[in-house]
C-alpha atoms as a PDB file:
ATOM      1  CA  MET A   1       0.000   0.000   0.000  1.00  0.00           C
ATOM      2  CA  SER A   2       1.254   3.478  -0.863  1.00  0.00           C
ATOM      3  CA  ILE A   3       0.011   7.013  -0.352  1.00  0.00           C
ATOM      4  CA  ALA A   4      -0.643   8.953  -3.572  1.00  0.00           C
ATOM      5  CA  VAL A   5       0.870  12.441  -3.441  1.00  0.00           C
ATOM      6  CA  GLY A   6      -0.009  15.474  -5.527  1.00  0.00           C
ATOM      7  CA  LEU A   7       2.497  18.340  -5.557  1.00  0.00           C
ATOM      8  CA  ILE A   8       1.173  21.847  -6.184  1.00  0.00           C
ATOM      9  CA  GLY A   9       4.050  23.939  -7.510  1.00  0.00           C
ATOM     10  CA  TYR A  10       7.289  22.951  -9.218  1.00  0.00           C
ATOM     11  CA  GLY A  11       9.466  26.004  -8.714  1.00  0.00           C
ATOM     12  CA  MET A  12      12.499  26.122  -6.423  1.00  0.00           C
ATOM     13  CA  ALA A  13      10.728  24.613  -3.418  1.00  0.00           C
ATOM     14  CA  GLY A  14       8.816  21.929  -5.291  1.00  0.00           C
ATOM     15  CA  ARG A  15      11.572  20.914  -7.664  1.00  0.00           C
ATOM     16  CA  VAL A  16      14.592  21.068  -5.348  1.00  0.00           C
ATOM     17  CA  PHE A  17      13.121  20.047  -1.976  1.00  0.00           C
ATOM     18  CA  HIS A  18       9.705  18.432  -2.091  1.00  0.00           C
ATOM     19  CA  ALA A  19       9.846  16.171  -5.140  1.00  0.00           C
ATOM     20  CA  PRO A  20      13.168  14.475  -4.236  1.00  0.00           C
ATOM     21  CA  LEU A  21      12.267  14.081  -0.556  1.00  0.00           C
ATOM     22  CA  ILE A  22       8.792  12.714  -1.345  1.00  0.00           C
ATOM     23  CA  ARG A  23      10.321  10.203  -3.760  1.00  0.00           C
ATOM     24  CA  ALA A  24      12.772   9.120  -1.044  1.00  0.00           C
ATOM     25  CA  ALA A  25       9.911   7.930   1.186  1.00  0.00           C
ATOM     26  CA  PRO A  26       9.079   4.313   0.244  1.00  0.00           C
ATOM     27  CA  ALA A  27       5.439   4.591   1.302  1.00  0.00           C
ATOM     28  CA  LEU A  28       4.766   7.738  -0.750  1.00  0.00           C
ATOM     29  CA  GLU A  29       4.185   7.804  -4.515  1.00  0.00           C
ATOM     30  CA  LEU A  30       4.405  11.123  -6.349  1.00  0.00           C
ATOM     31  CA  LYS A  31       1.512  10.790  -8.788  1.00  0.00           C
ATOM     32  CA  ALA A  32       0.814  14.318 -10.029  1.00  0.00           C
ATOM     33  CA  ILE A  33       2.280  17.831 -10.138  1.00  0.00           C
ATOM     34  CA  VAL A  34       0.612  21.166 -10.849  1.00  0.00           C
ATOM     35  CA  THR A  35       3.072  22.919 -13.147  1.00  0.00           C
ATOM     36  CA  SER A  36       3.654  24.350 -16.602  1.00  0.00           C
ATOM     37  CA  ARG A  37       7.018  22.542 -16.748  1.00  0.00           C
ATOM     38  CA  ALA A  38       5.719  19.334 -18.284  1.00  0.00           C
ATOM     39  CA  LYS A  39       9.008  18.516 -20.007  1.00  0.00           C
ATOM     40  CA  GLU A  40      10.924  18.715 -16.714  1.00  0.00           C
ATOM     41  CA  VAL A  41       8.382  16.470 -15.023  1.00  0.00           C
ATOM     42  CA  ALA A  42       8.584  13.958 -17.887  1.00  0.00           C
ATOM     43  CA  ALA A  43      12.367  13.914 -17.498  1.00  0.00           C
ATOM     44  CA  LEU A  44      11.936  13.212 -13.804  1.00  0.00           C
ATOM     45  CA  ASP A  45       9.356  10.468 -14.315  1.00  0.00           C
ATOM     46  CA  PRO A  46       7.057  10.115 -17.359  1.00  0.00           C
ATOM     47  CA  GLY A  47       4.515   8.385 -15.140  1.00  0.00           C
ATOM     48  CA  ILE A  48       3.804  11.570 -13.153  1.00  0.00           C
ATOM     49  CA  ALA A  49       0.706  13.379 -14.395  1.00  0.00           C
ATOM     50  CA  CYS A  50       0.771  17.153 -14.933  1.00  0.00           C
ATOM     51  CA  PHE A  51      -2.185  19.358 -14.060  1.00  0.00           C
ATOM     52  CA  ALA A  52      -2.669  22.946 -15.143  1.00  0.00           C
ATOM     53  CA  THR A  53      -4.437  24.121 -11.973  1.00  0.00           C
ATOM     54  CA  PRO A  54      -4.609  23.194  -8.275  1.00  0.00           C
ATOM     55  CA  GLU A  55      -8.359  22.681  -8.668  1.00  0.00           C
ATOM     56  CA  GLN A  56      -7.775  19.861 -11.153  1.00  0.00           C
ATOM     57  CA  LEU A  57      -5.398  18.084  -8.809  1.00  0.00           C
ATOM     58  CA  LEU A  58      -7.642  18.506  -5.777  1.00  0.00           C
ATOM     59  CA  ALA A  59     -10.574  17.080  -7.735  1.00  0.00           C
ATOM     60  CA  ASP A  60      -8.664  13.854  -8.414  1.00  0.00           C
ATOM     61  CA  PRO A  61      -9.998  11.222  -5.977  1.00  0.00           C
ATOM     62  CA  ALA A  62      -6.807   9.184  -6.334  1.00  0.00           C
ATOM     63  CA  ILE A  63      -4.717  11.826  -4.539  1.00  0.00           C
ATOM     64  CA  ASP A  64      -4.430  11.232  -0.787  1.00  0.00           C
ATOM     65  CA  LEU A  65      -1.909  13.903   0.180  1.00  0.00           C
ATOM     66  CA  ALA A  66      -1.603  17.398  -1.298  1.00  0.00           C
ATOM     67  CA  VAL A  67       1.756  19.137  -0.917  1.00  0.00           C
ATOM     68  CA  ILE A  68       1.713  22.913  -1.374  1.00  0.00           C
ATOM     69  CA  ALA A  69       4.961  24.461  -2.632  1.00  0.00           C
ATOM     70  CA  THR A  70       3.729  27.730  -4.121  1.00  0.00           C
ATOM     71  CA  PRO A  71       4.414  31.412  -3.259  1.00  0.00           C
ATOM     72  CA  SER A  72       3.782  32.187   0.401  1.00  0.00           C
ATOM     73  CA  ALA A  73       0.647  34.285  -0.066  1.00  0.00           C
ATOM     74  CA  THR A  74      -1.135  31.285  -1.624  1.00  0.00           C
ATOM     75  CA  HIS A  75      -0.281  28.759   1.100  1.00  0.00           C
ATOM     76  CA  ALA A  76      -3.266  29.272   3.395  1.00  0.00           C
ATOM     77  CA  PRO A  77      -5.960  29.450   0.662  1.00  0.00           C
ATOM     78  CA  LEU A  78      -4.621  26.354  -1.091  1.00  0.00           C
ATOM     79  CA  ALA A  79      -4.249  24.437   2.175  1.00  0.00           C
ATOM     80  CA  ALA A  80      -7.845  25.271   3.068  1.00  0.00           C
ATOM     81  CA  ALA A  81      -9.058  24.169  -0.376  1.00  0.00           C
ATOM     82  CA  ALA A  82      -7.136  20.899  -0.081  1.00  0.00           C
ATOM     83  CA  LEU A  83      -8.564  20.153   3.360  1.00  0.00           C
ATOM     84  CA  ARG A  84     -12.085  20.869   2.111  1.00  0.00           C
ATOM     85  CA  ALA A  85     -11.418  18.491  -0.791  1.00  0.00           C
ATOM     86  CA  GLY A  86     -10.694  15.741   1.718  1.00  0.00           C
ATOM     87  CA  LYS A  87      -6.932  15.650   1.274  1.00  0.00           C
ATOM     88  CA  HIS A  88      -4.244  15.405   3.898  1.00  0.00           C
ATOM     89  CA  VAL A  89      -1.940  18.405   3.516  1.00  0.00           C
ATOM     90  CA  VAL A  90       1.718  19.333   3.770  1.00  0.00           C
ATOM     91  CA  VAL A  91       2.234  23.064   3.245  1.00  0.00           C
ATOM     92  CA  ASP A  92       5.554  24.841   2.898  1.00  0.00           C
ATOM     93  CA  LYS A  93       6.501  27.523   5.377  1.00  0.00           C
ATOM     94  CA  PRO A  94       5.224  30.041   6.230  1.00  0.00           C
ATOM     95  CA  PHE A  95       1.945  28.167   6.174  1.00  0.00           C
ATOM     96  CA  ALA A  96      -0.035  31.372   6.663  1.00  0.00           C
ATOM     97  CA  LEU A  97       0.450  35.125   6.521  1.00  0.00           C
ATOM     98  CA  SER A  98      -1.142  35.759   9.913  1.00  0.00           C
ATOM     99  CA  LEU A  99      -1.758  34.039  13.218  1.00  0.00           C
ATOM    100  CA  GLU A 100      -5.499  34.185  12.555  1.00  0.00           C
ATOM    101  CA  GLN A 101      -5.055  32.310   9.263  1.00  0.00           C
ATOM    102  CA  ALA A 102      -2.868  29.737  10.974  1.00  0.00           C
ATOM    103  CA  ARG A 103      -5.400  29.086  13.723  1.00  0.00           C
ATOM    104  CA  ASP A 104      -8.242  28.860  11.191  1.00  0.00           C
ATOM    105  CA  LEU A 105      -6.331  26.233   9.191  1.00  0.00           C
ATOM    106  CA  ALA A 106      -5.575  24.190  12.290  1.00  0.00           C
ATOM    107  CA  ALA A 107      -9.266  24.284  13.226  1.00  0.00           C
ATOM    108  CA  LEU A 108     -10.301  23.297   9.694  1.00  0.00           C
ATOM    109  CA  ALA A 109      -7.951  20.317   9.752  1.00  0.00           C
ATOM    110  CA  ASP A 110      -9.421  19.223  13.059  1.00  0.00           C
ATOM    111  CA  VAL A 111     -13.013  19.502  11.813  1.00  0.00           C
ATOM    112  CA  SER A 112     -12.232  17.758   8.511  1.00  0.00           C
ATOM    113  CA  GLY A 113     -10.410  14.868  10.165  1.00  0.00           C
ATOM    114  CA  ARG A 114      -7.424  15.367   7.865  1.00  0.00           C
ATOM    115  CA  ARG A 115      -3.771  15.697   8.884  1.00  0.00           C
ATOM    116  CA  LEU A 116      -2.115  19.074   8.328  1.00  0.00           C
ATOM    117  CA  ALA A 117       1.660  19.469   8.568  1.00  0.00           C
ATOM    118  CA  VAL A 118       4.034  22.356   7.893  1.00  0.00           C
ATOM    119  CA  PHE A 119       7.279  21.677   6.036  1.00  0.00           C
ATOM    120  CA  HIS A 120       9.797  22.632   8.712  1.00  0.00           C
ATOM    121  CA  ASN A 121      12.469  20.501   7.068  1.00  0.00           C
ATOM    122  CA  ARG A 122      15.338  22.219   8.863  1.00  0.00           C
ATOM    123  CA  ARG A 123      14.563  20.361  12.073  1.00  0.00           C
ATOM    124  CA  PHE A 124      16.529  17.648  10.247  1.00  0.00           C
ATOM    125  CA  ASP A 125      19.609  19.759   9.426  1.00  0.00           C
ATOM    126  CA  SER A 126      23.057  18.623  10.496  1.00  0.00           C
ATOM    127  CA  ASP A 127      23.826  21.893  12.306  1.00  0.00           C
ATOM    128  CA  PHE A 128      20.591  21.925  14.324  1.00  0.00           C
ATOM    129  CA  LEU A 129      20.700  18.209  15.178  1.00  0.00           C
ATOM    130  CA  SER A 130      24.292  18.530  16.401  1.00  0.00           C
ATOM    131  CA  ILE A 131      23.684  21.627  18.500  1.00  0.00           C
ATOM    132  CA  ARG A 132      20.569  20.107  20.055  1.00  0.00           C
ATOM    133  CA  ALA A 133      22.433  16.908  20.933  1.00  0.00           C
ATOM    134  CA  ALA A 134      25.288  18.848  22.548  1.00  0.00           C
ATOM    135  CA  ILE A 135      22.860  20.964  24.595  1.00  0.00           C
ATOM    136  CA  GLU A 136      20.943  17.883  25.736  1.00  0.00           C
ATOM    137  CA  GLU A 137      24.214  16.265  26.817  1.00  0.00           C
ATOM    138  CA  GLY A 138      24.862  19.253  29.079  1.00  0.00           C
ATOM    139  CA  LEU A 139      28.115  20.306  27.413  1.00  0.00           C
ATOM    140  CA  VAL A 140      27.476  23.995  28.062  1.00  0.00           C
ATOM    141  CA  GLY A 141      25.502  23.640  31.278  1.00  0.00           C
ATOM    142  CA  ARG A 142      22.506  25.940  31.523  1.00  0.00           C
ATOM    143  CA  VAL A 143      22.132  27.814  28.228  1.00  0.00           C
ATOM    144  CA  THR A 144      22.090  31.587  28.662  1.00  0.00           C
ATOM    145  CA  LEU A 145      22.491  33.007  25.137  1.00  0.00           C
ATOM    146  CA  VAL A 146      22.004  31.583  21.637  1.00  0.00           C
ATOM    147  CA  GLU A 147      22.716  33.237  18.302  1.00  0.00           C
ATOM    148  CA  SER A 148      21.226  31.546  15.253  1.00  0.00           C
ATOM    149  CA  HIS A 149      22.191  33.064  11.908  1.00  0.00           C
ATOM    150  CA  PHE A 150      20.822  32.339   8.456  1.00  0.00           C
ATOM    151  CA  ASP A 151      22.868  34.683   6.282  1.00  0.00           C
ATOM    152  CA  ARG A 152      23.293  34.821   2.521  1.00  0.00           C
ATOM    153  CA  PHE A 153      25.300  37.186   0.323  1.00  0.00           C
ATOM    154  CA  ARG A 154      22.910  38.404  -2.354  1.00  0.00           C
ATOM    155  CA  PRO A 155      23.581  42.153  -2.618  1.00  0.00           C
ATOM    156  CA  GLN A 156      21.671  42.559  -5.885  1.00  0.00           C
ATOM    157  CA  VAL A 157      17.878  42.550  -5.722  1.00  0.00           C
ATOM    158  CA  ARG A 158      16.377  39.799  -7.862  1.00  0.00           C
ATOM    159  CA  ASP A 159      13.189  40.021  -9.897  1.00  0.00           C
ATOM    160  CA  ARG A 160      11.151  37.423  -8.029  1.00  0.00           C
ATOM    161  CA  TRP A 161       8.175  37.303  -5.681  1.00  0.00           C
ATOM    162  CA  ARG A 162      10.327  36.684  -2.598  1.00  0.00           C
ATOM    163  CA  GLU A 163      11.844  40.167  -2.982  1.00  0.00           C
ATOM    164  CA  ASP A 164       9.143  42.304  -4.601  1.00  0.00           C
ATOM    165  CA  GLY A 165       7.315  43.526  -1.488  1.00  0.00           C
ATOM    166  CA  SER A 166       4.131  41.545  -2.132  1.00  0.00           C
ATOM    167  CA  PRO A 167       2.382  39.788   0.785  1.00  0.00           C
ATOM    168  CA  GLY A 168       4.550  36.965   2.093  1.00  0.00           C
ATOM    169  CA  SER A 169       7.760  38.292   0.562  1.00  0.00           C
ATOM    170  CA  GLY A 170      10.896  39.357   2.418  1.00  0.00           C
ATOM    171  CA  VAL A 171      13.633  37.602   4.331  1.00  0.00           C
ATOM    172  CA  TRP A 172      11.654  37.370   7.580  1.00  0.00           C
ATOM    173  CA  PHE A 173       8.842  35.341   5.995  1.00  0.00           C
ATOM    174  CA  ASP A 174      11.358  33.345   3.941  1.00  0.00           C
ATOM    175  CA  LEU A 175      14.057  32.445   6.469  1.00  0.00           C
ATOM    176  CA  GLY A 176      12.438  33.534   9.729  1.00  0.00           C
ATOM    177  CA  PRO A 177      10.203  30.434  10.026  1.00  0.00           C
ATOM    178  CA  HIS A 178      13.276  28.173   9.939  1.00  0.00           C
ATOM    179  CA  LEU A 179      14.984  30.163  12.680  1.00  0.00           C
ATOM    180  CA  VAL A 180      11.884  30.443  14.853  1.00  0.00           C
ATOM    181  CA  ASP A 181      10.909  26.791  14.522  1.00  0.00           C
ATOM    182  CA  GLN A 182      14.359  25.607  15.573  1.00  0.00           C
ATOM    183  CA  ALA A 183      14.418  27.986  18.550  1.00  0.00           C
ATOM    184  CA  LEU A 184      10.984  26.888  19.744  1.00  0.00           C
ATOM    185  CA  ALA A 185      11.896  23.219  19.250  1.00  0.00           C
ATOM    186  CA  LEU A 186      14.849  23.786  21.591  1.00  0.00           C
ATOM    187  CA  PHE A 187      13.420  26.142  24.206  1.00  0.00           C
ATOM    188  CA  GLY A 188       9.658  26.417  23.777  1.00  0.00           C
ATOM    189  CA  ARG A 189       7.563  29.545  23.442  1.00  0.00           C
ATOM    190  CA  PRO A 190       9.218  32.795  24.588  1.00  0.00           C
ATOM    191  CA  GLN A 191       7.704  35.334  26.938  1.00  0.00           C
ATOM    192  CA  ALA A 192       8.281  38.293  24.614  1.00  0.00           C
ATOM    193  CA  VAL A 193       9.775  39.274  21.258  1.00  0.00           C
ATOM    194  CA  SER A 194      11.673  42.337  20.052  1.00  0.00           C
ATOM    195  CA  ALA A 195      12.731  42.864  16.451  1.00  0.00           C
ATOM    196  CA  ASP A 196      14.332  45.114  13.867  1.00  0.00           C
ATOM    197  CA  ILE A 197      13.327  44.121  10.327  1.00  0.00           C
ATOM    198  CA  VAL A 198      14.293  46.395   7.422  1.00  0.00           C
ATOM    199  CA  ALA A 199      15.305  46.638   3.763  1.00  0.00           C
ATOM    200  CA  LEU A 200      18.983  47.590   3.459  1.00  0.00           C
ATOM    201  CA  ARG A 201      19.819  46.873  -0.174  1.00  0.00           C
ATOM    202  CA  ASP A 202      19.431  49.520  -2.872  1.00  0.00           C
ATOM    203  CA  GLY A 203      16.104  49.105  -4.617  1.00  0.00           C
ATOM    204  CA  SER A 204      14.841  46.405  -2.292  1.00  0.00           C
ATOM    205  CA  GLY A 205      11.060  46.100  -2.274  1.00  0.00           C
ATOM    206  CA  ALA A 206      10.946  43.802   0.745  1.00  0.00           C
ATOM    207  CA  ASP A 207      12.828  43.388   4.002  1.00  0.00           C
ATOM    208  CA  ASP A 208      16.245  41.785   3.566  1.00  0.00           C
ATOM    209  CA  TRP A 209      17.660  42.072   7.113  1.00  0.00           C
ATOM    210  CA  ALA A 210      16.076  40.797  10.310  1.00  0.00           C
ATOM    211  CA  HIS A 211      17.386  40.815  13.875  1.00  0.00           C
ATOM    212  CA  VAL A 212      14.964  39.284  16.361  1.00  0.00           C
ATOM    213  CA  VAL A 213      15.386  38.599  20.079  1.00  0.00           C
ATOM    214  CA  LEU A 214      13.286  35.960  21.815  1.00  0.00           C
ATOM    215  CA  ARG A 215      13.059  36.762  25.529  1.00  0.00           C
ATOM    216  CA  TYR A 216      12.813  33.960  28.080  1.00  0.00           C
ATOM    217  CA  ALA A 217      13.061  34.260  31.863  1.00  0.00           C
ATOM    218  CA  ASP A 218      16.781  33.407  32.031  1.00  0.00           C
ATOM    219  CA  LEU A 219      17.709  33.071  28.364  1.00  0.00           C
ATOM    220  CA  ARG A 220      17.984  35.222  25.248  1.00  0.00           C
ATOM    221  CA  VAL A 221      17.826  33.764  21.729  1.00  0.00           C
ATOM    222  CA  ILE A 222      18.976  36.004  18.885  1.00  0.00           C
ATOM    223  CA  LEU A 223      17.663  35.120  15.427  1.00  0.00           C
ATOM    224  CA  HIS A 224      19.380  36.855  12.536  1.00  0.00           C
ATOM    225  CA  ALA A 225      18.758  36.665   8.782  1.00  0.00           C
ATOM    226  CA  SER A 226      20.433  38.756   6.119  1.00  0.00           C
ATOM    227  CA  LEU A 227      20.895  38.899   2.352  1.00  0.00           C
ATOM    228  CA  THR A 228      23.955  41.155   2.595  1.00  0.00           C
ATOM    229  CA  ALA A 229      26.301  38.962   4.621  1.00  0.00           C
ATOM    230  CA  PRO A 230      27.985  35.651   3.844  1.00  0.00           C
ATOM    231  CA  GLY A 231      27.356  32.607   6.000  1.00  0.00           C
ATOM    232  CA  GLY A 232      29.899  31.295   8.493  1.00  0.00           C
ATOM    233  CA  ASP A 233      31.747  29.065   6.041  1.00  0.00           C
ATOM    234  CA  ALA A 234      32.361  32.099   3.797  1.00  0.00           C
ATOM    235  CA  GLY A 235      33.830  34.325   6.486  1.00  0.00           C
ATOM    236  CA  GLY A 236      30.624  35.556   8.114  1.00  0.00           C
ATOM    237  CA  SER A 237      28.960  34.877  11.444  1.00  0.00           C
ATOM    238  CA  PRO A 238      28.702  31.259  12.646  1.00  0.00           C
ATOM    239  CA  ARG A 239      25.472  29.404  11.959  1.00  0.00           C
ATOM    240  CA  PHE A 240      25.051  28.759  15.698  1.00  0.00           C
ATOM    241  CA  THR A 241      26.736  30.161  18.794  1.00  0.00           C
ATOM    242  CA  VAL A 242      25.528  28.788  22.134  1.00  0.00           C
ATOM    243  CA  HIS A 243      26.805  30.191  25.435  1.00  0.00           C
ATOM    244  CA  GLY A 244      26.132  28.534  28.759  1.00  0.00           C
ATOM    245  CA  THR A 245      27.367  28.245  32.316  1.00  0.00           C
ATOM    246  CA  ALA A 246      29.869  25.517  31.350  1.00  0.00           C
ATOM    247  CA  GLY A 247      31.191  26.721  28.007  1.00  0.00           C
ATOM    248  CA  THR A 248      30.342  27.646  24.431  1.00  0.00           C
ATOM    249  CA  LEU A 249      29.335  25.750  21.293  1.00  0.00           C
ATOM    250  CA  ILE A 250      30.080  27.062  17.808  1.00  0.00           C
ATOM    251  CA  LYS A 251      28.811  25.582  14.546  1.00  0.00           C
ATOM    252  CA  ARG A 252      30.232  27.647  11.723  1.00  0.00           C
ATOM    253  CA  SER A 253      28.723  26.438   8.461  1.00  0.00           C
ATOM    254  CA  LEU A 254      25.225  25.699   7.205  1.00  0.00           C
ATOM    255  CA  ASP A 255      23.831  22.216   6.706  1.00  0.00           C
ATOM    256  CA  PRO A 256      24.761  20.997   3.173  1.00  0.00           C
ATOM    257  CA  GLN A 257      21.508  19.318   2.116  1.00  0.00           C
ATOM    258  CA  GLU A 258      20.080  22.223   0.086  1.00  0.00           C
ATOM    259  CA  ALA A 259      23.331  22.536  -1.860  1.00  0.00           C
ATOM    260  CA  GLN A 260      23.415  18.769  -2.321  1.00  0.00           C
ATOM    261  CA  LEU A 261      19.863  18.686  -3.677  1.00  0.00           C
ATOM    262  CA  VAL A 262      20.680  21.486  -6.115  1.00  0.00           C
ATOM    263  CA  ALA A 263      23.750  19.519  -7.237  1.00  0.00           C
ATOM    264  CA  GLY A 264      21.673  16.392  -7.844  1.00  0.00           C
ATOM    265  CA  LEU A 265      22.499  14.321  -4.753  1.00  0.00           C
ATOM    266  CA  ARG A 266      19.640  12.367  -3.275  1.00  0.00           C
ATOM    267  CA  PRO A 267      18.913  10.580   0.021  1.00  0.00           C
ATOM    268  CA  GLY A 268      20.743   7.273  -0.039  1.00  0.00           C
ATOM    269  CA  ASP A 269      23.794   8.651  -1.833  1.00  0.00           C
ATOM    270  CA  GLN A 270      27.016   8.002   0.051  1.00  0.00           C
ATOM    271  CA  ARG A 271      27.695  11.682   0.796  1.00  0.00           C
ATOM    272  CA  TRP A 272      24.058  12.652   1.456  1.00  0.00           C
ATOM    273  CA  GLY A 273      23.748  14.783   4.586  1.00  0.00           C
ATOM    274  CA  VAL A 274      27.445  14.511   5.461  1.00  0.00           C
ATOM    275  CA  ASP A 275      28.662  17.744   7.031  1.00  0.00           C
ATOM    276  CA  PRO A 276      32.462  17.956   7.405  1.00  0.00           C
ATOM    277  CA  ASP A 277      32.333  21.103   9.540  1.00  0.00           C
ATOM    278  CA  PRO A 278      32.626  20.073  13.228  1.00  0.00           C
ATOM    279  CA  VAL A 279      30.970  21.582  16.266  1.00  0.00           C
ATOM    280  CA  GLU A 280      33.475  23.422  18.454  1.00  0.00           C
ATOM    281  CA  TRP A 281      33.222  23.234  22.225  1.00  0.00           C
ATOM    282  CA  HIS A 282      35.069  25.972  24.123  1.00  0.00           C
ATOM    283  CA  ASP A 283      35.449  25.601  27.888  1.00  0.00           C
ATOM    284  CA  GLY A 284      35.989  29.327  28.472  1.00  0.00           C
ATOM    285  CA  GLU A 285      39.604  28.851  29.566  1.00  0.00           C
ATOM    286  CA  GLY A 286      41.211  28.378  26.169  1.00  0.00           C
ATOM    287  CA  ARG A 287      40.592  24.669  25.654  1.00  0.00           C
ATOM    288  CA  ILE A 288      38.766  23.607  22.480  1.00  0.00           C
ATOM    289  CA  ALA A 289      37.339  20.223  21.541  1.00  0.00           C
ATOM    290  CA  LEU A 290      35.884  19.295  18.158  1.00  0.00           C
ATOM    291  CA  ARG A 291      32.782  17.109  17.866  1.00  0.00           C
ATOM    292  CA  PRO A 292      31.825  15.418  14.579  1.00  0.00           C
ATOM    293  CA  THR A 293      28.636  16.874  13.166  1.00  0.00           C
ATOM    294  CA  LEU A 294      25.630  14.582  12.962  1.00  0.00           C
ATOM    295  CA  ARG A 295      24.418  13.666   9.495  1.00  0.00           C
ATOM    296  CA  GLY A 296      21.543  15.707   8.079  1.00  0.00           C
ATOM    297  CA  CYS A 297      18.400  13.751   7.223  1.00  0.00           C
ATOM    298  CA  GLN A 298      15.634  15.922   5.755  1.00  0.00           C
ATOM    299  CA  GLU A 299      14.152  12.819   4.097  1.00  0.00           C
ATOM    300  CA  ARG A 300      12.887  11.821   7.545  1.00  0.00           C
ATOM    301  CA  PHE A 301      10.227  14.521   7.315  1.00  0.00           C
ATOM    302  CA  TYR A 302       8.298  12.724   4.588  1.00  0.00           C
ATOM    303  CA  ARG A 303       8.962   9.298   6.039  1.00  0.00           C
ATOM    304  CA  GLN A 304       7.362  10.503   9.260  1.00  0.00           C
ATOM    305  CA  ILE A 305       4.476  11.975   7.264  1.00  0.00           C
ATOM    306  CA  ALA A 306       3.902   8.542   5.727  1.00  0.00           C
ATOM    307  CA  ASP A 307       3.976   6.908   9.179  1.00  0.00           C
ATOM    308  CA  ALA A 308       1.491   9.466  10.492  1.00  0.00           C
ATOM    309  CA  LEU A 309      -0.956   8.831   7.658  1.00  0.00           C
ATOM    310  CA  MET A 310      -0.622   5.051   7.678  1.00  0.00           C
ATOM    311  CA  THR A 311      -0.392   4.293  11.404  1.00  0.00           C
ATOM    312  CA  GLY A 312      -1.589   7.416  13.209  1.00  0.00           C
ATOM    313  CA  ALA A 313       1.921   8.202  14.442  1.00  0.00           C
ATOM    314  CA  PRO A 314       2.701  11.817  15.426  1.00  0.00           C
ATOM    315  CA  LEU A 315       3.416  14.296  12.667  1.00  0.00           C
ATOM    316  CA  PRO A 316       7.049  15.439  12.346  1.00  0.00           C
ATOM    317  CA  VAL A 317       5.866  18.936  13.299  1.00  0.00           C
ATOM    318  CA  PRO A 318       2.661  18.991  15.394  1.00  0.00           C
ATOM    319  CA  ILE A 319       0.268  21.627  14.115  1.00  0.00           C
ATOM    320  CA  ASP A 320       0.162  23.478  17.452  1.00  0.00           C
ATOM    321  CA  GLU A 321       3.936  23.956  17.202  1.00  0.00           C
ATOM    322  CA  ALA A 322       3.544  25.338  13.679  1.00  0.00           C
ATOM    323  CA  VAL A 323       0.905  27.770  14.944  1.00  0.00           C
ATOM    324  CA  ALA A 324       3.311  28.860  17.706  1.00  0.00           C
ATOM    325  CA  VAL A 325       5.933  29.621  15.040  1.00  0.00           C
ATOM    326  CA  GLN A 326       3.405  31.814  13.239  1.00  0.00           C
ATOM    327  CA  GLU A 327       2.655  33.610  16.514  1.00  0.00           C
ATOM    328  CA  VAL A 328       6.326  34.569  16.909  1.00  0.00           C
ATOM    329  CA  ILE A 329       6.657  35.550  13.239  1.00  0.00           C
ATOM    330  CA  GLU A 330       3.718  37.920  13.657  1.00  0.00           C
ATOM    331  CA  ALA A 331       4.931  39.277  17.011  1.00  0.00           C
ATOM    332  CA  ALA A 332       8.325  40.091  15.501  1.00  0.00           C
ATOM    333  CA  SER A 333       6.734  41.876  12.560  1.00  0.00           C
ATOM    334  CA  LEU A 334       4.630  43.935  14.974  1.00  0.00           C
ATOM    335  CA  SER A 335       7.652  44.700  17.143  1.00  0.00           C
ATOM    336  CA  ALA A 336       9.654  45.962  14.178  1.00  0.00           C
ATOM    337  CA  ARG A 337       6.748  48.021  12.844  1.00  0.00           C
ATOM    338  CA  GLU A 338       5.981  49.699  16.184  1.00  0.00           C
ATOM    339  CA  ALA A 339       9.516  49.718  17.651  1.00  0.00           C
ATOM    340  CA  ARG A 340       8.513  48.021  20.886  1.00  0.00           C
ATOM    341  CA  VAL A 341       8.774  44.785  22.797  1.00  0.00           C
ATOM    342  CA  VAL A 342       5.761  42.531  22.154  1.00  0.00           C
ATOM    343  CA  THR A 343       4.701  40.322  25.053  1.00  0.00           C
ATOM    344  CA  LEU A 344       3.098  37.009  24.153  1.00  0.00           C
ATOM    345  CA  PRO A 345      -0.107  36.275  26.047  1.00  0.00           C
END
């Protein structure tokens, strides 16, 4: 028995992430894609049907699971339409443009009896898995300060929806959900949020720099995303810096799975998920120890989706946790807009 999957969207997200990871899950079968790129789909697998519109795919009774990999502003409407059509749904992040939309979708999934999951694939990144393991082992004692950077060097504005200023565009909606989800997976929901989110590049129509502080009782988590700074492996800030009462952890470079997918590697390849950049542990007195980085495994997301649909197992990202991410995304946007600290109720 297999679960028939329909993919809505075959741009960067659908082509590079979703299609390969879906096809790596033995219990899932990618049966149809909504796209105008029929030749590319035929090259991938001539047995995959192409639909011109989401409505055509959602009307197909053979499709069990709809995966939404379209521009951000369309995520919530398409997810709602898929749930109403009786499909289980995976929707790329951000899965809504507001907390109200997110809560409405969660309620609709509950009423419809369908499973709704958000594609927070970076819970399965090598850098995050390694930092989480080191924290859980107590290597830094009680954590007091975390910096999590997702930086890219793209100084020229591109002509694409992610940068044009339309709803759902900008670096905070693009990279912020990754940063927030990882922080909440580690430390839970913060008490308050403060943020500075701006456009710094010439001609930028959307925000391209975000600096957000999550405030906990005895912990601060700094989330930073930029399109004008290189990542840690290119001379910029480390991907993760974790300070605690017993030392510091540093993970300099970003998980390699996105670059591997772009290059054509797939789950099961010998080098898949292998991250040669170690985690550094500093004891605060000059001693340094290097820990091998755990292997990235984003394919586990869809394997866990299959388990959830076939056996009732938990989703890889429970929907209440995805709603909590949206709450922080919205609080940060409000904080930046009104230049104030936003307390979460």
